[in-house]
Amino acid sequence: MAAVLAYGSRAAASHRTAAGLQGLRADNRAATDIALPLQSARSRPGVRAHATPTLRPRDVTTVSGIPCTTVARTLLDLADVVPRRQLERALEQAQIMRVFDLRALDEVLAHANGRRGAGILRGVLVDLDDEPGLTESELEERFLALCRAAGLRKPEVNTWVKVDDGPAIRADFLWRGARLIVETDGWGTHGTRQGFESDRRRDQRVRLAGWEPLRFTRRQLLREPDWVATTAAALLAR
């Protein structure tokens, strides 16, 4: 707050400082990043001032009472100052926190005016969104095709199984003799807090009952089919 106040009413915490305030990434640096809607700005001891003429009032919000760039604007600014992998992690954290807003990102990118970070951010967004929109049945067919190609015996599909004294569990794929249950997870289905907790409790029940729970993500099925097939085969071989 002191750094923002030192630069006047148009200043806002930004870049790594804003990301730290918003919980997108840790920021333990001694310097504080602030942004100003000016053509030039002079830094001071302990303050890194960024002149950003494209900074608009709509790009500024308040976090813990401190004027701060919005999540979308913060991610754009981060792209200018951190390595790509750190930007990817910040985007992933925004998804986990449910503050990821693709429309807001598109809007700030439309006003980025050729910034270097804009191209990096666009590239990361393309990588995040390069998964075809498979239906659940199509996802199942893809996994079954991997099993056939690997020479694995066909599992039971979408079947209910009693693993303990609790309610029966609906398994995406089940090898009953091997006591192996495979789930194929999409973020949209399992990304909520309730879904996260439910999935973990379910896996704990399965394992306590002497079964092996195994989860593959939608992205793994699309990008790493060999890993999926090899892992399933290795567990079945046990």
Protein backbone atom coordinates (compact mmCIF):
# COMPACT_ATOMS: atom_id res chain seq x y z
CA MET A 1 0.00 0.00 0.00
CA ALA A 2 2.85 2.37 0.81
CA ALA A 3 4.38 1.83 -2.63
CA VAL A 4 1.06 2.49 -4.36
CA LEU A 5 0.36 5.62 -2.30
CA ALA A 6 3.85 6.93 -3.02
CA TYR A 7 3.01 7.10 -6.74
CA GLY A 8 -0.42 8.68 -6.51
CA SER A 9 -4.02 7.79 -7.16
CA ARG A 10 -3.42 6.27 -10.62
CA ALA A 11 -0.92 3.68 -9.39
CA ALA A 12 -1.75 0.02 -8.77
CA ALA A 13 0.18 -2.99 -7.48
CA SER A 14 1.03 -5.08 -10.53
CA HIS A 15 3.09 -7.86 -12.08
CA ARG A 16 4.67 -10.20 -9.46
CA THR A 17 3.34 -8.17 -6.54
CA ALA A 18 -0.25 -8.36 -7.81
CA ALA A 19 0.12 -12.08 -8.47
CA GLY A 20 1.29 -12.54 -4.88
CA LEU A 21 -1.64 -10.54 -3.49
CA GLN A 22 -4.08 -12.60 -5.56
CA GLY A 23 -2.56 -15.95 -4.60
CA LEU A 24 -1.49 -16.82 -8.15
CA ARG A 25 2.18 -17.30 -7.20
CA ALA A 26 4.48 -16.63 -4.27
CA ASP A 27 6.38 -13.33 -4.29
CA ASN A 28 9.18 -13.01 -1.75
CA ARG A 29 11.12 -10.25 -3.47
CA ALA A 30 12.08 -7.13 -1.53
CA ALA A 31 10.89 -4.90 -4.38
CA THR A 32 7.24 -4.03 -5.01
CA ASP A 33 5.88 -3.86 -8.56
CA ILE A 34 3.49 -1.02 -9.37
CA ALA A 35 1.98 0.05 -12.70
CA LEU A 36 1.20 3.55 -13.88
CA PRO A 37 -0.80 4.56 -17.00
CA LEU A 38 2.06 6.74 -18.22
CA GLN A 39 4.66 6.79 -20.98
CA SER A 40 7.50 6.69 -18.44
CA ALA A 41 7.96 6.10 -14.73
CA ARG A 42 10.97 6.20 -12.43
CA SER A 43 11.60 3.41 -9.96
CA ARG A 44 12.60 4.10 -6.37
CA PRO A 45 14.45 2.04 -3.78
CA GLY A 46 12.24 -0.95 -3.03
CA VAL A 47 9.75 -0.09 -5.78
CA ARG A 48 9.83 -1.25 -9.42
CA ALA A 49 7.66 1.20 -11.36
CA HIS A 50 6.26 0.02 -14.71
CA ALA A 51 5.04 2.60 -17.21
CA THR A 52 2.07 0.96 -18.95
CA PRO A 53 0.10 3.41 -21.14
CA THR A 54 -2.46 0.67 -21.87
CA LEU A 55 -3.48 0.39 -18.20
CA ARG A 56 -7.17 1.37 -17.95
CA PRO A 57 -9.43 1.91 -14.92
CA ARG A 58 -11.20 -1.37 -15.75
CA ASP A 59 -7.85 -3.16 -15.37
CA VAL A 60 -7.65 -2.19 -11.69
CA THR A 61 -9.44 -3.77 -8.74
CA THR A 62 -8.85 -3.85 -4.99
CA VAL A 63 -7.26 -6.70 -3.02
CA SER A 64 -7.12 -6.39 0.77
CA GLY A 65 -7.80 -2.68 0.34
CA ILE A 66 -4.84 -2.21 -2.03
CA PRO A 67 -5.37 -0.97 -5.61
CA CYS A 68 -4.21 -3.88 -7.73
CA THR A 69 -4.41 -5.00 -11.35
CA THR A 70 -7.14 -7.52 -12.17
CA VAL A 71 -6.29 -11.20 -12.54
CA ALA A 72 -6.42 -10.97 -16.34
CA ARG A 73 -4.21 -7.89 -16.45
CA THR A 74 -1.84 -9.40 -13.89
CA LEU A 75 -1.37 -12.50 -16.05
CA LEU A 76 -0.60 -10.31 -19.05
CA ASP A 77 1.94 -8.32 -17.04
CA LEU A 78 3.49 -11.50 -15.64
CA ALA A 79 4.13 -12.71 -19.18
CA ASP A 80 6.55 -9.79 -19.56
CA VAL A 81 8.66 -10.56 -16.49
CA VAL A 82 8.64 -14.28 -15.61
CA PRO A 83 9.64 -17.45 -17.51
CA ARG A 84 6.93 -19.18 -19.51
CA ARG A 85 6.66 -22.12 -17.11
CA GLN A 86 6.00 -19.77 -14.19
CA LEU A 87 3.26 -18.09 -16.25
CA GLU A 88 1.73 -21.51 -16.97
CA ARG A 89 1.71 -22.30 -13.25
CA ALA A 90 0.03 -18.98 -12.48
CA LEU A 91 -2.66 -19.74 -15.06
CA GLU A 92 -3.13 -23.21 -13.61
CA GLN A 93 -3.47 -21.68 -10.15
CA ALA A 94 -6.09 -19.26 -11.47
CA GLN A 95 -8.05 -22.27 -12.73
CA ILE A 96 -7.75 -24.03 -9.39
CA MET A 97 -8.93 -20.89 -7.57
CA ARG A 98 -11.81 -20.49 -10.04
CA VAL A 99 -10.71 -16.98 -11.02
CA PHE A 100 -9.70 -17.91 -14.58
CA ASP A 101 -11.77 -15.82 -17.03
CA LEU A 102 -10.96 -16.40 -20.70
CA ARG A 103 -13.16 -13.53 -21.86
CA ALA A 104 -11.33 -11.11 -19.58
CA LEU A 105 -7.98 -12.39 -20.87
CA ASP A 106 -9.09 -11.98 -24.48
CA GLU A 107 -10.21 -8.45 -23.67
CA VAL A 108 -6.89 -7.36 -22.14
CA LEU A 109 -5.00 -9.05 -24.97
CA ALA A 110 -7.04 -7.07 -27.49
CA HIS A 111 -5.63 -3.87 -25.93
CA ALA A 112 -2.07 -5.15 -25.44
CA ASN A 113 -0.74 -3.16 -28.43
CA GLY A 114 2.05 -5.54 -29.43
CA ARG A 115 3.55 -6.20 -26.01
CA ARG A 116 6.06 -9.05 -25.96
CA GLY A 117 4.19 -10.76 -23.15
CA ALA A 118 0.97 -10.79 -25.18
CA GLY A 119 2.41 -13.31 -27.64
CA ILE A 120 3.68 -15.50 -24.81
CA LEU A 121 0.32 -15.41 -23.03
CA ARG A 122 -1.55 -16.25 -26.24
CA GLY A 123 0.73 -19.23 -26.77
CA VAL A 124 0.13 -20.53 -23.26
CA LEU A 125 -3.64 -20.13 -23.71
CA VAL A 126 -3.51 -22.11 -26.96
CA ASP A 127 -1.71 -24.94 -25.16
CA LEU A 128 -4.32 -24.92 -22.40
CA ASP A 129 -7.15 -25.15 -24.92
CA ASP A 130 -5.78 -27.60 -27.45
CA GLU A 131 -7.85 -30.56 -26.28
CA PRO A 132 -10.72 -31.53 -28.59
CA GLY A 133 -14.10 -31.45 -26.92
CA LEU A 134 -14.61 -35.16 -26.48
CA THR A 135 -17.84 -36.48 -25.05
CA GLU A 136 -17.64 -39.03 -22.25
CA SER A 137 -18.46 -41.84 -24.68
CA GLU A 138 -15.73 -40.68 -27.08
CA LEU A 139 -13.27 -40.56 -24.18
CA GLU A 140 -14.22 -44.10 -23.26
CA GLU A 141 -13.78 -45.27 -26.85
CA ARG A 142 -10.34 -43.70 -26.95
CA PHE A 143 -9.28 -45.53 -23.79
CA LEU A 144 -10.70 -48.82 -25.06
CA ALA A 145 -8.81 -48.35 -28.33
CA LEU A 146 -5.59 -47.90 -26.35
CA CYS A 147 -6.32 -51.11 -24.47
CA ARG A 148 -6.89 -53.01 -27.73
CA ALA A 149 -3.68 -51.63 -29.26
CA ALA A 150 -1.72 -52.69 -26.15
CA GLY A 151 -3.20 -56.19 -26.27
CA LEU A 152 -5.01 -55.81 -22.93
CA ARG A 153 -8.15 -57.79 -22.21
CA LYS A 154 -11.29 -55.70 -22.47
CA PRO A 155 -12.51 -54.18 -19.20
CA GLU A 156 -16.07 -53.85 -18.02
CA VAL A 157 -17.30 -50.33 -18.83
CA ASN A 158 -19.48 -48.06 -16.66
CA THR A 159 -20.28 -50.85 -14.25
CA TRP A 160 -21.20 -50.86 -10.56
CA VAL A 161 -19.04 -52.77 -8.11
CA LYS A 162 -19.20 -53.40 -4.35
CA VAL A 163 -15.73 -52.91 -2.90
CA ASP A 164 -16.73 -52.72 0.79
CA ASP A 165 -19.75 -52.42 3.05
CA GLY A 166 -20.49 -48.91 1.75
CA PRO A 167 -22.48 -47.86 -1.32
CA ALA A 168 -21.54 -49.48 -4.63
CA ILE A 169 -19.07 -47.57 -6.82
CA ARG A 170 -19.61 -46.89 -10.51
CA ALA A 171 -16.33 -47.60 -12.31
CA ASP A 172 -15.48 -46.12 -15.69
CA PHE A 173 -13.40 -49.23 -16.43
CA LEU A 174 -13.11 -52.35 -14.31
CA TRP A 175 -10.87 -55.39 -14.42
CA ARG A 176 -12.58 -57.45 -11.76
CA GLY A 177 -10.05 -60.28 -11.58
CA ALA A 178 -7.14 -57.87 -11.22
CA ARG A 179 -9.14 -55.69 -8.79
CA LEU A 180 -8.23 -52.66 -10.89
CA ILE A 181 -10.53 -49.65 -11.36
CA VAL A 182 -9.61 -47.00 -13.94
CA GLU A 183 -11.22 -43.57 -14.12
CA THR A 184 -10.84 -41.09 -16.99
CA ASP A 185 -11.15 -37.59 -15.60
CA GLY A 186 -12.01 -34.32 -17.30
CA TRP A 187 -11.41 -31.05 -15.46
CA GLY A 188 -14.94 -29.82 -16.04
CA THR A 189 -16.39 -32.82 -14.22
CA HIS A 190 -13.95 -33.19 -11.36
CA GLY A 191 -12.60 -29.65 -10.90
CA THR A 192 -15.00 -28.51 -8.18
CA ARG A 193 -14.14 -28.66 -4.49
CA GLN A 194 -16.97 -31.13 -3.88
CA GLY A 195 -15.84 -33.32 -6.75
CA PHE A 196 -12.21 -33.19 -5.58
CA GLU A 197 -13.13 -34.31 -2.06
CA SER A 198 -15.52 -36.99 -3.30
CA ASP A 199 -12.91 -38.47 -5.65
CA ARG A 200 -10.29 -38.71 -2.89
CA ARG A 201 -12.68 -40.35 -0.44
CA ARG A 202 -13.71 -42.84 -3.12
CA ASP A 203 -10.08 -43.72 -3.95
CA GLN A 204 -9.37 -44.24 -0.25
CA ARG A 205 -12.30 -46.66 0.05
CA VAL A 206 -11.16 -48.57 -3.02
CA ARG A 207 -7.60 -48.92 -1.76
CA LEU A 208 -8.62 -49.90 1.78
CA ALA A 209 -10.72 -52.67 0.26
CA GLY A 210 -7.69 -54.08 -1.55
CA TRP A 211 -8.44 -52.70 -5.00
CA GLU A 212 -6.18 -50.49 -7.11
CA PRO A 213 -7.65 -47.11 -8.17
CA LEU A 214 -6.02 -45.53 -11.21
CA ARG A 215 -6.90 -42.17 -12.76
CA PHE A 216 -5.94 -40.89 -16.20
CA THR A 217 -6.68 -37.32 -17.22
CA ARG A 218 -8.31 -36.35 -20.48
CA ARG A 219 -5.08 -34.60 -21.46
CA GLN A 220 -3.03 -37.74 -20.81
CA LEU A 221 -5.33 -39.77 -23.05
CA LEU A 222 -4.86 -37.24 -25.83
CA ARG A 223 -1.20 -36.33 -25.41
CA GLU A 224 0.40 -39.35 -23.73
CA PRO A 225 -1.42 -42.44 -25.01
CA ASP A 226 1.71 -44.61 -24.74
CA TRP A 227 2.09 -43.70 -21.06
CA VAL A 228 -1.56 -44.53 -20.41
CA ALA A 229 -1.36 -47.91 -22.12
CA THR A 230 1.99 -48.83 -20.52
CA THR A 231 0.81 -47.89 -17.02
CA ALA A 232 -2.45 -49.83 -17.31
CA ALA A 233 -0.58 -52.86 -18.69
CA ALA A 234 1.99 -52.75 -15.88
CA LEU A 235 -0.68 -52.77 -13.19
CA LEU A 236 -2.61 -55.56 -14.87
CA ALA A 237 0.58 -57.61 -15.12
CA ARG A 238 0.92 -57.48 -11.33
